[in-house]
Amino acid sequence: MSLPPLPFDDTELQAAFTGRSLALPPLGRGSFKVAYFAGDGSDAVVKILTDPLPGDIDNTEVDASLLPERFAREVRAMQLTDSPHLGTVLVEPTAVQIGGSRFVTYEEPFYGGGTLADRLSASAMSAPDAESLVVSLLKAVRELWAHDIVHRDIKPGNIMFDGQGNAVLIDPGISLHVGLDDLTDSSQTSPMTLGYSAPEQHEARRYAQIDFRTDHFLVGVVGYCAVTGGHPILEPGMDRNAFIVKLLSFDKIDTSGLPCSDRLKQVLARLLAPKPNRRFRTTNEPLEILEVS
């Protein structure tokens, strides 16, 4: 489904950010925000929420109560965590006049190495690079879980590479914050990206075990894709229903023939276990097997 036109034009955008030289066209656009590269030497990405603020807002401060709850939690996840493998906020959300309305804007770092999706579009990664990727993602999951956060959307499009080739997990927009009220009705399934979802994300929330082990499964899927160039469950030509049936019924993923180290084979096999209780018991355990701290 195509998105509606932006609520401001390019001239209004440039006038609102004098001196920032926002590059056109946008780097990307989602259902409720748009991102622009700031070509002013800051190596920043300016993100703008596309729904305008109420008309009686006339300053730059943004009351948290005015933010969409999903977005507020996304920002919270980036503010709480401290890891080179997780995206962060460079400039806190503020209100900016663009054309006839005010919009919430904030800034994140620009990662010039592209996405994992870009890299995998050409070929699988080398075994050392794939192992390094898995290590980075496991460290990101460990840091998130230290703050009782589950990302729930670890996929190639949400994994960037910085200028040194290090992987950075971004966009915790559908993250679960344990201890905060759930945004999803307990009779509904967890928010997800279908091809990069864990079996428990397809269960009603009141019954599902969603914790760091859910993110571990997603790291396993991404790691398998990085090593092989293929998906561990999704097959060519498989439709949505067939994928879900296989995801909810498979017993194990055979990693014995993968072109990578034995320790990574062992880790991927456990990460990709169909039931959470067959995966790792702690966030440190797979990192210990991979001989990193």
Foldseek 3Di string as FASTA:
>chain_A
DDADDFPADPVLVCVQVPQQCWDPDFPDDDNFKTWTQRPNPPQKIKMWGRDFFDPVDDFWDDDLVRDDPLVSVQQVLQDQFDDPQEWHWPFDWTWIDGPPTIITMTMTGHAPQAWQVVVLVVHAAAQVLLLQQLLSLLVVLQRSVVQQKAQQEDDRNQWGAHPVRHIHGYDSSQMDRPPDDHPDDQQQFGDHDQLQFALLSRHRNVPGDDGSLRSLLSSLQRSVCNQGSDGQQDDPPDDRVNSNVRNNDDAWGQLPPTPYDPLVSVQSRQSNGRDSVSHDPHSCVSVVSVVHD
